[in-house]
Amino acid sequence: MGLLVGRGTGSLANVLGITVANCWCVKHKGLIIGLLTASAVTGQLLFLPLLAQAMDALGWRFSIYMVAGALLLLVPLIVLGMKNHPPDVGKPALGEEQAEKPVPFTGNLFMTKEAAFP
């Protein structure tokens, strides 16, 4: 069970880090991805052993309730504080001079040549 949880959280964290770096940075993307990956791994090192210990001591249901409680506390904070692009907070992306909002994608992602062959 622990292997599946670790694998799932690890794969999700990398995708999220790359997405954030592409939206917020023009320069130093590799550094930002490395920092976000390191922070995700640090969170796993702190949270997953606590979750495993709670599962052993109190049962799997309690550990599920712990995760659900953490989500209930964090999701409203993330919804209120998280922005999609730097211009949403009036700042330019790292490496840019001016804050310009990106052009929204219009079309079908699955039918474009760029999506199939980047």
C-alpha atoms as a PDB file:
ATOM      1  CA  MET A   1       0.000   0.000   0.000  1.00  0.00           C
ATOM      2  CA  GLY A   2       2.787   2.414   0.891  1.00  0.00           C
ATOM      3  CA  LEU A   3       4.451   1.820  -2.463  1.00  0.00           C
ATOM      4  CA  LEU A   4       1.275   2.773  -4.313  1.00  0.00           C
ATOM      5  CA  VAL A   5       0.740   5.929  -2.240  1.00  0.00           C
ATOM      6  CA  GLY A   6       4.350   7.025  -2.704  1.00  0.00           C
ATOM      7  CA  ARG A   7       4.255   6.369  -6.422  1.00  0.00           C
ATOM      8  CA  GLY A   8       0.985   8.245  -6.886  1.00  0.00           C
ATOM      9  CA  THR A   9       2.048  11.319  -4.924  1.00  0.00           C
ATOM     10  CA  GLY A  10       5.459  11.380  -6.588  1.00  0.00           C
ATOM     11  CA  SER A  11       4.080  11.262 -10.106  1.00  0.00           C
ATOM     12  CA  LEU A  12       1.501  13.965  -9.410  1.00  0.00           C
ATOM     13  CA  ALA A  13       4.028  16.307  -7.812  1.00  0.00           C
ATOM     14  CA  ASN A  14       6.296  16.311 -10.875  1.00  0.00           C
ATOM     15  CA  VAL A  15       3.471  17.183 -13.269  1.00  0.00           C
ATOM     16  CA  LEU A  16       2.293  19.982 -10.994  1.00  0.00           C
ATOM     17  CA  GLY A  17       5.818  21.414 -10.647  1.00  0.00           C
ATOM     18  CA  ILE A  18       6.365  21.486 -14.402  1.00  0.00           C
ATOM     19  CA  THR A  19       2.996  23.160 -14.960  1.00  0.00           C
ATOM     20  CA  VAL A  20       3.706  25.863 -12.371  1.00  0.00           C
ATOM     21  CA  ALA A  21       7.199  26.481 -13.768  1.00  0.00           C
ATOM     22  CA  ASN A  22       5.865  26.874 -17.323  1.00  0.00           C
ATOM     23  CA  CYS A  23       3.182  29.348 -16.232  1.00  0.00           C
ATOM     24  CA  TRP A  24       5.308  31.463 -13.874  1.00  0.00           C
ATOM     25  CA  CYS A  25       8.833  31.360 -15.340  1.00  0.00           C
ATOM     26  CA  VAL A  26      10.580  32.169 -18.587  1.00  0.00           C
ATOM     27  CA  LYS A  27      14.065  31.958 -17.102  1.00  0.00           C
ATOM     28  CA  HIS A  28      15.475  29.395 -14.635  1.00  0.00           C
ATOM     29  CA  LYS A  29      12.736  26.819 -15.276  1.00  0.00           C
ATOM     30  CA  GLY A  30      15.050  23.966 -14.331  1.00  0.00           C
ATOM     31  CA  LEU A  31      15.867  25.556 -10.974  1.00  0.00           C
ATOM     32  CA  ILE A  32      12.198  26.167 -10.212  1.00  0.00           C
ATOM     33  CA  ILE A  33      11.231  22.599 -11.176  1.00  0.00           C
ATOM     34  CA  GLY A  34      14.035  21.291  -8.963  1.00  0.00           C
ATOM     35  CA  LEU A  35      12.903  23.386  -5.996  1.00  0.00           C
ATOM     36  CA  LEU A  36       9.265  22.353  -6.408  1.00  0.00           C
ATOM     37  CA  THR A  37      10.231  18.674  -6.740  1.00  0.00           C
ATOM     38  CA  ALA A  38      12.428  18.913  -3.640  1.00  0.00           C
ATOM     39  CA  SER A  39       9.610  20.517  -1.668  1.00  0.00           C
ATOM     40  CA  ALA A  40       7.186  17.788  -2.771  1.00  0.00           C
ATOM     41  CA  VAL A  41       9.633  15.077  -1.725  1.00  0.00           C
ATOM     42  CA  THR A  42      10.192  16.791   1.623  1.00  0.00           C
ATOM     43  CA  GLY A  43       6.442  16.864   2.175  1.00  0.00           C
ATOM     44  CA  GLN A  44       6.265  13.157   1.385  1.00  0.00           C
ATOM     45  CA  LEU A  45       9.082  12.406   3.805  1.00  0.00           C
ATOM     46  CA  LEU A  46       7.224  14.232   6.557  1.00  0.00           C
ATOM     47  CA  PHE A  47       3.631  13.271   5.833  1.00  0.00           C
ATOM     48  CA  LEU A  48       3.707   9.664   4.575  1.00  0.00           C
ATOM     49  CA  PRO A  49       5.451   8.123   7.642  1.00  0.00           C
ATOM     50  CA  LEU A  50       2.932   9.903   9.881  1.00  0.00           C
ATOM     51  CA  LEU A  51       0.129   8.517   7.747  1.00  0.00           C
ATOM     52  CA  ALA A  52       1.601   4.995   7.862  1.00  0.00           C
ATOM     53  CA  GLN A  53       2.013   5.179  11.650  1.00  0.00           C
ATOM     54  CA  ALA A  54      -1.598   6.323  12.058  1.00  0.00           C
ATOM     55  CA  MET A  55      -2.700   3.487   9.785  1.00  0.00           C
ATOM     56  CA  ASP A  56      -0.859   0.909  11.890  1.00  0.00           C
ATOM     57  CA  ALA A  57      -1.983   2.289  15.231  1.00  0.00           C
ATOM     58  CA  LEU A  58      -5.540   3.432  14.524  1.00  0.00           C
ATOM     59  CA  GLY A  59      -6.574   1.664  11.328  1.00  0.00           C
ATOM     60  CA  TRP A  60      -6.890   2.650   7.708  1.00  0.00           C
ATOM     61  CA  ARG A  61     -10.165   4.530   8.186  1.00  0.00           C
ATOM     62  CA  PHE A  62      -8.582   7.027  10.568  1.00  0.00           C
ATOM     63  CA  SER A  63      -5.777   7.700   8.115  1.00  0.00           C
ATOM     64  CA  ILE A  64      -8.345   8.378   5.384  1.00  0.00           C
ATOM     65  CA  TYR A  65     -10.119  10.792   7.735  1.00  0.00           C
ATOM     66  CA  MET A  66      -6.786  12.529   8.400  1.00  0.00           C
ATOM     67  CA  VAL A  67      -6.193  13.070   4.685  1.00  0.00           C
ATOM     68  CA  ALA A  68      -9.796  14.215   4.144  1.00  0.00           C
ATOM     69  CA  GLY A  69      -9.494  16.663   7.064  1.00  0.00           C
ATOM     70  CA  ALA A  70      -6.250  18.081   5.697  1.00  0.00           C
ATOM     71  CA  LEU A  71      -7.892  18.532   2.294  1.00  0.00           C
ATOM     72  CA  LEU A  72     -10.913  20.248   3.828  1.00  0.00           C
ATOM     73  CA  LEU A  73      -8.586  22.712   5.553  1.00  0.00           C
ATOM     74  CA  LEU A  74      -6.236  23.334   2.625  1.00  0.00           C
ATOM     75  CA  VAL A  75      -8.514  23.434  -0.428  1.00  0.00           C
ATOM     76  CA  PRO A  76     -10.301  26.688   0.565  1.00  0.00           C
ATOM     77  CA  LEU A  77      -6.938  28.352   1.207  1.00  0.00           C
ATOM     78  CA  ILE A  78      -5.641  27.202  -2.166  1.00  0.00           C
ATOM     79  CA  VAL A  79      -8.793  28.323  -3.985  1.00  0.00           C
ATOM     80  CA  LEU A  80      -8.596  31.775  -2.403  1.00  0.00           C
ATOM     81  CA  GLY A  81      -4.851  32.301  -2.737  1.00  0.00           C
ATOM     82  CA  MET A  82      -3.712  30.504  -5.866  1.00  0.00           C
ATOM     83  CA  LYS A  83      -3.505  32.402  -9.152  1.00  0.00           C
ATOM     84  CA  ASN A  84      -2.989  30.968 -12.636  1.00  0.00           C
ATOM     85  CA  HIS A  85      -0.548  33.483 -14.089  1.00  0.00           C
ATOM     86  CA  PRO A  86       1.739  36.247 -12.791  1.00  0.00           C
ATOM     87  CA  PRO A  87      -0.365  39.054 -14.363  1.00  0.00           C
ATOM     88  CA  ASP A  88      -3.216  37.935 -12.086  1.00  0.00           C
ATOM     89  CA  VAL A  89      -1.187  39.383  -9.188  1.00  0.00           C
ATOM     90  CA  GLY A  90       0.293  42.254 -11.220  1.00  0.00           C
ATOM     91  CA  LYS A  91       3.792  40.787 -11.616  1.00  0.00           C
ATOM     92  CA  PRO A  92       5.733  39.685 -14.690  1.00  0.00           C
ATOM     93  CA  ALA A  93       6.858  36.085 -15.055  1.00  0.00           C
ATOM     94  CA  LEU A  94      10.405  35.346 -13.917  1.00  0.00           C
ATOM     95  CA  GLY A  95      12.620  36.516 -16.782  1.00  0.00           C
ATOM     96  CA  GLU A  96      10.127  38.904 -18.379  1.00  0.00           C
ATOM     97  CA  GLU A  97      10.011  42.674 -18.159  1.00  0.00           C
ATOM     98  CA  GLN A  98       6.257  43.276 -18.471  1.00  0.00           C
ATOM     99  CA  ALA A  99       3.272  41.452 -17.051  1.00  0.00           C
ATOM    100  CA  GLU A 100       1.360  40.172 -20.078  1.00  0.00           C
ATOM    101  CA  LYS A 101      -1.549  37.817 -19.749  1.00  0.00           C
ATOM    102  CA  PRO A 102      -1.139  34.784 -22.036  1.00  0.00           C
ATOM    103  CA  VAL A 103      -3.532  34.251 -24.922  1.00  0.00           C
ATOM    104  CA  PRO A 104      -6.068  31.609 -23.908  1.00  0.00           C
ATOM    105  CA  PHE A 105      -6.048  28.378 -25.886  1.00  0.00           C
ATOM    106  CA  THR A 106      -8.997  28.024 -28.211  1.00  0.00           C
ATOM    107  CA  GLY A 107      -9.657  24.835 -30.026  1.00  0.00           C
ATOM    108  CA  ASN A 108      -9.570  21.151 -29.313  1.00  0.00           C
ATOM    109  CA  LEU A 109      -6.407  19.983 -27.580  1.00  0.00           C
ATOM    110  CA  PHE A 110      -6.754  16.472 -28.968  1.00  0.00           C
ATOM    111  CA  MET A 111      -7.178  17.578 -32.570  1.00  0.00           C
ATOM    112  CA  THR A 112      -4.227  19.973 -32.944  1.00  0.00           C
ATOM    113  CA  LYS A 113      -0.984  19.009 -34.624  1.00  0.00           C
ATOM    114  CA  GLU A 114       0.986  20.771 -31.850  1.00  0.00           C
ATOM    115  CA  ALA A 115      -0.597  18.548 -29.184  1.00  0.00           C
ATOM    116  CA  ALA A 116       0.285  15.358 -31.069  1.00  0.00           C
ATOM    117  CA  PHE A 117       3.765  16.424 -32.176  1.00  0.00           C
ATOM    118  CA  PRO A 118       5.258  19.075 -29.842  1.00  0.00           C
END
